[in-house]
Amino acid sequence: MHSPVPRVPRQPVARRPEIHLGRLTPELATVVASARRRALRDGDRQIDTAHLLHSLIESDPAVGAAFDGRPQLARVLGYLVQRSIGYGLRWQGSVEDSGTLAVVRDADRAADGWSPAAAAAMGRAWERAALRGDSRATGLDLLAVMAADRECRAVEVLGRAGVDPLVLAHRVGELSQQV
C-alpha cells in the first residue's frame, strides 16, 4: 500500500506584461515583427533584448541617431550579426533574465515567446511613453529602457561594441525631448 503524497500548494507565478501590439507605434510594431523573425531564424525560442536592439537599429532612424555616428553603429551591428555564428551561441537554449522579474518555470517563460528581460523592457517602454502622455511606445522608449538595464543582452552587446549605455541613454533622453 502506498502512502499518499502530500500536496504542496503551488506558489503563484509572476506574470510578465502582455505584449499588445496596439500599444506600439507602427514603427515599433515592425521592429517586434522583425525581432520575432530574427529569433526564429537564429533558432532561439524567445525574443530577447539583443534581437530587439538589432531590429531597432535596422528599422528605426531615430534609434540610429542616438548612437555616436556610423562607426559606432557599425560596431554594434557587427556584434549583432556575429550572434548566430560566434559569441551569441552560448545564449542559445538559455533564457535571458536580467533579474527585472521573478524567475518562473521554463514552460511559463517560453509561453509567450519573450524573454523575461525583453518583456520587462517592453513594459517599461510603455510606462515611459505614458509618463510623457503617450499611449504608445516608440523605438526610443524601448532603447532607453534597455540601455538602463545593465544585465540584459542588449547592454552586453553595446558594451562589447564600446558603447557606454549611460551615454546612450542620455542621448535618447535628448532626442526624446526634441520629438
C-alpha atoms as a PDB file:
ATOM      1  CA  MET A   1       0.000   0.000   0.000  1.00  0.00           C
ATOM      2  CA  HIS A   2       1.268   3.416  -0.961  1.00  0.00           C
ATOM      3  CA  SER A   3       1.188   6.279   1.413  1.00  0.00           C
ATOM      4  CA  PRO A   4      -0.466   9.336  -0.066  1.00  0.00           C
ATOM      5  CA  VAL A   5       1.870  12.027  -1.338  1.00  0.00           C
ATOM      6  CA  PRO A   6       1.163  15.290   0.415  1.00  0.00           C
ATOM      7  CA  ARG A   7       0.013  18.000  -1.963  1.00  0.00           C
ATOM      8  CA  VAL A   8       2.159  21.083  -1.894  1.00  0.00           C
ATOM      9  CA  PRO A   9       0.299  24.200  -2.944  1.00  0.00           C
ATOM     10  CA  ARG A  10       1.836  25.870  -5.983  1.00  0.00           C
ATOM     11  CA  GLN A  11       3.281  29.286  -5.493  1.00  0.00           C
ATOM     12  CA  PRO A  12       1.770  31.964  -7.683  1.00  0.00           C
ATOM     13  CA  VAL A  13       3.794  32.515 -10.836  1.00  0.00           C
ATOM     14  CA  ALA A  14       4.846  36.062 -11.630  1.00  0.00           C
ATOM     15  CA  ARG A  15       3.436  37.035 -14.988  1.00  0.00           C
ATOM     16  CA  ARG A  16       5.064  39.410 -17.414  1.00  0.00           C
ATOM     17  CA  PRO A  17       3.044  42.144 -19.029  1.00  0.00           C
ATOM     18  CA  GLU A  18       1.057  41.099 -22.080  1.00  0.00           C
ATOM     19  CA  ILE A  19       2.605  42.379 -25.287  1.00  0.00           C
ATOM     20  CA  HIS A  20      -0.182  44.315 -27.000  1.00  0.00           C
ATOM     21  CA  LEU A  21       0.832  45.415 -30.491  1.00  0.00           C
ATOM     22  CA  GLY A  22      -1.859  48.113 -30.364  1.00  0.00           C
ATOM     23  CA  ARG A  23       0.225  49.856 -27.708  1.00  0.00           C
ATOM     24  CA  LEU A  24       3.143  50.240 -30.126  1.00  0.00           C
ATOM     25  CA  THR A  25       3.741  52.788 -32.838  1.00  0.00           C
ATOM     26  CA  PRO A  26       3.615  51.215 -36.322  1.00  0.00           C
ATOM     27  CA  GLU A  27       7.415  51.531 -36.458  1.00  0.00           C
ATOM     28  CA  LEU A  28       7.877  49.688 -33.181  1.00  0.00           C
ATOM     29  CA  ALA A  29       5.374  47.001 -34.243  1.00  0.00           C
ATOM     30  CA  THR A  30       7.593  46.467 -37.304  1.00  0.00           C
ATOM     31  CA  VAL A  31      10.617  46.158 -35.009  1.00  0.00           C
ATOM     32  CA  VAL A  32       8.834  43.499 -32.923  1.00  0.00           C
ATOM     33  CA  ALA A  33       7.869  41.521 -36.037  1.00  0.00           C
ATOM     34  CA  SER A  34      11.464  41.706 -37.277  1.00  0.00           C
ATOM     35  CA  ALA A  35      12.824  40.617 -33.877  1.00  0.00           C
ATOM     36  CA  ARG A  36      10.428  37.647 -33.877  1.00  0.00           C
ATOM     37  CA  ARG A  37      11.647  36.579 -37.343  1.00  0.00           C
ATOM     38  CA  ARG A  38      15.256  37.050 -36.256  1.00  0.00           C
ATOM     39  CA  ALA A  39      14.736  34.882 -33.146  1.00  0.00           C
ATOM     40  CA  LEU A  40      13.166  32.116 -35.235  1.00  0.00           C
ATOM     41  CA  ARG A  41      15.922  32.316 -37.838  1.00  0.00           C
ATOM     42  CA  ASP A  42      18.607  32.159 -35.115  1.00  0.00           C
ATOM     43  CA  GLY A  43      16.963  29.096 -33.572  1.00  0.00           C
ATOM     44  CA  ASP A  44      16.068  30.925 -30.365  1.00  0.00           C
ATOM     45  CA  ARG A  45      12.858  30.117 -28.509  1.00  0.00           C
ATOM     46  CA  GLN A  46      12.265  33.689 -27.447  1.00  0.00           C
ATOM     47  CA  ILE A  47      12.721  37.279 -28.496  1.00  0.00           C
ATOM     48  CA  ASP A  48      15.423  38.762 -26.288  1.00  0.00           C
ATOM     49  CA  THR A  49      16.771  42.282 -25.913  1.00  0.00           C
ATOM     50  CA  ALA A  50      19.597  41.663 -28.404  1.00  0.00           C
ATOM     51  CA  HIS A  51      17.004  40.722 -31.067  1.00  0.00           C
ATOM     52  CA  LEU A  52      15.103  43.897 -30.243  1.00  0.00           C
ATOM     53  CA  LEU A  53      18.270  46.024 -30.365  1.00  0.00           C
ATOM     54  CA  HIS A  54      19.234  44.580 -33.760  1.00  0.00           C
ATOM     55  CA  SER A  55      15.786  45.267 -35.208  1.00  0.00           C
ATOM     56  CA  LEU A  56      15.638  48.751 -33.670  1.00  0.00           C
ATOM     57  CA  ILE A  57      18.940  49.747 -35.235  1.00  0.00           C
ATOM     58  CA  GLU A  58      17.968  48.389 -38.649  1.00  0.00           C
ATOM     59  CA  SER A  59      14.413  49.761 -38.691  1.00  0.00           C
ATOM     60  CA  ASP A  60      14.199  52.991 -36.701  1.00  0.00           C
ATOM     61  CA  PRO A  61      16.170  56.043 -37.895  1.00  0.00           C
ATOM     62  CA  ALA A  62      15.575  57.814 -34.564  1.00  0.00           C
ATOM     63  CA  VAL A  63      17.341  54.950 -32.786  1.00  0.00           C
ATOM     64  CA  GLY A  64      20.279  55.192 -35.181  1.00  0.00           C
ATOM     65  CA  ALA A  65      20.543  58.914 -34.427  1.00  0.00           C
ATOM     66  CA  ALA A  66      21.043  58.135 -30.735  1.00  0.00           C
ATOM     67  CA  PHE A  67      24.395  56.498 -31.431  1.00  0.00           C
ATOM     68  CA  ASP A  68      27.665  58.390 -31.803  1.00  0.00           C
ATOM     69  CA  GLY A  69      27.950  58.165 -35.582  1.00  0.00           C
ATOM     70  CA  ARG A  70      28.160  55.425 -38.181  1.00  0.00           C
ATOM     71  CA  PRO A  71      31.358  53.767 -36.879  1.00  0.00           C
ATOM     72  CA  GLN A  72      29.688  53.105 -33.510  1.00  0.00           C
ATOM     73  CA  LEU A  73      26.559  51.761 -35.218  1.00  0.00           C
ATOM     74  CA  ALA A  74      28.706  49.550 -37.440  1.00  0.00           C
ATOM     75  CA  ARG A  75      30.494  48.053 -34.414  1.00  0.00           C
ATOM     76  CA  VAL A  76      27.183  47.298 -32.678  1.00  0.00           C
ATOM     77  CA  LEU A  77      25.728  45.737 -35.820  1.00  0.00           C
ATOM     78  CA  GLY A  78      28.929  43.730 -36.265  1.00  0.00           C
ATOM     79  CA  TYR A  79      28.468  42.106 -32.868  1.00  0.00           C
ATOM     80  CA  LEU A  80      24.783  41.527 -33.502  1.00  0.00           C
ATOM     81  CA  VAL A  81      25.457  39.864 -36.859  1.00  0.00           C
ATOM     82  CA  GLN A  82      28.061  37.599 -35.244  1.00  0.00           C
ATOM     83  CA  ARG A  83      25.448  36.431 -32.758  1.00  0.00           C
ATOM     84  CA  SER A  84      24.431  33.339 -34.738  1.00  0.00           C
ATOM     85  CA  ILE A  85      27.985  32.346 -35.678  1.00  0.00           C
ATOM     86  CA  GLY A  86      30.050  33.322 -32.675  1.00  0.00           C
ATOM     87  CA  TYR A  87      29.699  34.599 -29.176  1.00  0.00           C
ATOM     88  CA  GLY A  88      25.885  34.513 -29.221  1.00  0.00           C
ATOM     89  CA  LEU A  89      25.845  30.721 -29.496  1.00  0.00           C
ATOM     90  CA  ARG A  90      26.245  30.487 -25.734  1.00  0.00           C
ATOM     91  CA  TRP A  91      22.868  32.215 -25.458  1.00  0.00           C
ATOM     92  CA  GLN A  92      21.037  29.558 -27.469  1.00  0.00           C
ATOM     93  CA  GLY A  93      18.888  27.360 -25.285  1.00  0.00           C
ATOM     94  CA  SER A  94      19.087  29.781 -22.382  1.00  0.00           C
ATOM     95  CA  VAL A  95      16.571  32.305 -21.154  1.00  0.00           C
ATOM     96  CA  GLU A  96      17.537  35.940 -20.807  1.00  0.00           C
ATOM     97  CA  ASP A  97      16.526  37.099 -17.352  1.00  0.00           C
ATOM     98  CA  SER A  98      18.165  40.274 -16.169  1.00  0.00           C
ATOM     99  CA  GLY A  99      16.603  39.979 -12.737  1.00  0.00           C
ATOM    100  CA  THR A 100      13.914  42.522 -13.521  1.00  0.00           C
ATOM    101  CA  LEU A 101      11.197  39.963 -12.855  1.00  0.00           C
ATOM    102  CA  ALA A 102      10.863  36.906 -10.700  1.00  0.00           C
ATOM    103  CA  VAL A 103      12.077  33.741 -12.392  1.00  0.00           C
ATOM    104  CA  VAL A 104       9.270  31.458 -13.495  1.00  0.00           C
ATOM    105  CA  ARG A 105       9.113  27.865 -14.679  1.00  0.00           C
ATOM    106  CA  ASP A 106      10.574  27.126 -18.144  1.00  0.00           C
ATOM    107  CA  ALA A 107       7.134  26.361 -19.584  1.00  0.00           C
ATOM    108  CA  ASP A 108       5.806  29.696 -18.404  1.00  0.00           C
ATOM    109  CA  ARG A 109       8.838  31.600 -19.666  1.00  0.00           C
ATOM    110  CA  ALA A 110       8.512  30.271 -23.202  1.00  0.00           C
ATOM    111  CA  ALA A 111       4.732  30.589 -23.387  1.00  0.00           C
ATOM    112  CA  ASP A 112       4.537  33.982 -24.999  1.00  0.00           C
ATOM    113  CA  GLY A 113       7.820  33.906 -26.917  1.00  0.00           C
ATOM    114  CA  TRP A 114       9.516  36.736 -24.995  1.00  0.00           C
ATOM    115  CA  SER A 115      12.437  36.501 -22.603  1.00  0.00           C
ATOM    116  CA  PRO A 116      11.651  37.910 -19.165  1.00  0.00           C
ATOM    117  CA  ALA A 117      14.083  40.793 -19.768  1.00  0.00           C
ATOM    118  CA  ALA A 118      12.579  41.643 -23.189  1.00  0.00           C
ATOM    119  CA  ALA A 119       9.028  41.552 -21.840  1.00  0.00           C
ATOM    120  CA  ALA A 120      10.030  43.715 -18.882  1.00  0.00           C
ATOM    121  CA  ALA A 121      11.731  46.179 -21.245  1.00  0.00           C
ATOM    122  CA  MET A 122       8.567  46.437 -23.329  1.00  0.00           C
ATOM    123  CA  GLY A 123       6.509  47.054 -20.181  1.00  0.00           C
ATOM    124  CA  ARG A 124       8.900  49.787 -19.058  1.00  0.00           C
ATOM    125  CA  ALA A 125       8.822  51.318 -22.556  1.00  0.00           C
ATOM    126  CA  TRP A 126       5.027  51.654 -22.233  1.00  0.00           C
ATOM    127  CA  GLU A 127       5.478  53.226 -18.801  1.00  0.00           C
ATOM    128  CA  ARG A 128       7.983  55.684 -20.258  1.00  0.00           C
ATOM    129  CA  ALA A 129       5.547  56.595 -23.038  1.00  0.00           C
ATOM    130  CA  ALA A 130       2.738  57.066 -20.511  1.00  0.00           C
ATOM    131  CA  LEU A 131       4.893  59.454 -18.466  1.00  0.00           C
ATOM    132  CA  ARG A 132       5.076  61.794 -21.432  1.00  0.00           C
ATOM    133  CA  GLY A 133       1.326  61.389 -22.063  1.00  0.00           C
ATOM    134  CA  ASP A 134       1.522  58.983 -25.000  1.00  0.00           C
ATOM    135  CA  SER A 135      -0.432  55.731 -25.147  1.00  0.00           C
ATOM    136  CA  ARG A 136       2.051  54.045 -27.498  1.00  0.00           C
ATOM    137  CA  ALA A 137       5.722  53.245 -27.037  1.00  0.00           C
ATOM    138  CA  THR A 138       8.352  54.246 -29.598  1.00  0.00           C
ATOM    139  CA  GLY A 139      11.697  52.759 -30.549  1.00  0.00           C
ATOM    140  CA  LEU A 140      13.446  55.413 -28.467  1.00  0.00           C
ATOM    141  CA  ASP A 141      11.378  54.377 -25.432  1.00  0.00           C
ATOM    142  CA  LEU A 142      12.480  50.784 -25.865  1.00  0.00           C
ATOM    143  CA  LEU A 143      16.117  51.704 -26.473  1.00  0.00           C
ATOM    144  CA  ALA A 144      16.170  53.921 -23.369  1.00  0.00           C
ATOM    145  CA  VAL A 145      14.886  51.218 -21.029  1.00  0.00           C
ATOM    146  CA  MET A 146      17.141  48.533 -22.492  1.00  0.00           C
ATOM    147  CA  ALA A 147      20.194  50.795 -22.109  1.00  0.00           C
ATOM    148  CA  ALA A 148      19.237  51.291 -18.453  1.00  0.00           C
ATOM    149  CA  ASP A 149      19.105  47.520 -17.737  1.00  0.00           C
ATOM    150  CA  ARG A 150      22.738  46.653 -17.029  1.00  0.00           C
ATOM    151  CA  GLU A 151      22.032  42.913 -17.007  1.00  0.00           C
ATOM    152  CA  CYS A 152      20.282  42.483 -20.375  1.00  0.00           C
ATOM    153  CA  ARG A 153      21.877  41.047 -23.511  1.00  0.00           C
ATOM    154  CA  ALA A 154      21.434  44.300 -25.423  1.00  0.00           C
ATOM    155  CA  VAL A 155      23.687  46.088 -22.915  1.00  0.00           C
ATOM    156  CA  GLU A 156      26.217  43.255 -23.172  1.00  0.00           C
ATOM    157  CA  VAL A 157      26.313  43.804 -26.946  1.00  0.00           C
ATOM    158  CA  LEU A 158      26.608  47.568 -26.504  1.00  0.00           C
ATOM    159  CA  GLY A 159      29.488  47.125 -24.072  1.00  0.00           C
ATOM    160  CA  ARG A 160      31.356  44.750 -26.392  1.00  0.00           C
ATOM    161  CA  ALA A 161      30.987  47.332 -29.165  1.00  0.00           C
ATOM    162  CA  GLY A 162      32.393  50.097 -26.954  1.00  0.00           C
ATOM    163  CA  VAL A 163      29.096  51.915 -26.403  1.00  0.00           C
ATOM    164  CA  ASP A 164      28.542  53.346 -22.937  1.00  0.00           C
ATOM    165  CA  PRO A 165      24.877  52.578 -22.136  1.00  0.00           C
ATOM    166  CA  LEU A 166      24.615  55.599 -19.813  1.00  0.00           C
ATOM    167  CA  VAL A 167      25.806  57.972 -22.542  1.00  0.00           C
ATOM    168  CA  LEU A 168      23.413  56.306 -24.971  1.00  0.00           C
ATOM    169  CA  ALA A 169      20.514  56.686 -22.527  1.00  0.00           C
ATOM    170  CA  HIS A 170      21.386  60.380 -22.137  1.00  0.00           C
ATOM    171  CA  ARG A 171      21.332  60.882 -25.929  1.00  0.00           C
ATOM    172  CA  VAL A 172      17.985  59.077 -26.121  1.00  0.00           C
ATOM    173  CA  GLY A 173      16.613  61.457 -23.494  1.00  0.00           C
ATOM    174  CA  GLU A 174      17.785  64.451 -25.516  1.00  0.00           C
ATOM    175  CA  LEU A 175      16.278  63.065 -28.729  1.00  0.00           C
ATOM    176  CA  SER A 176      13.002  62.254 -26.982  1.00  0.00           C
ATOM    177  CA  GLN A 177      12.656  65.873 -25.881  1.00  0.00           C
ATOM    178  CA  GLN A 178      13.097  67.038 -29.483  1.00  0.00           C
ATOM    179  CA  VAL A 179      10.299  64.822 -30.797  1.00  0.00           C
END
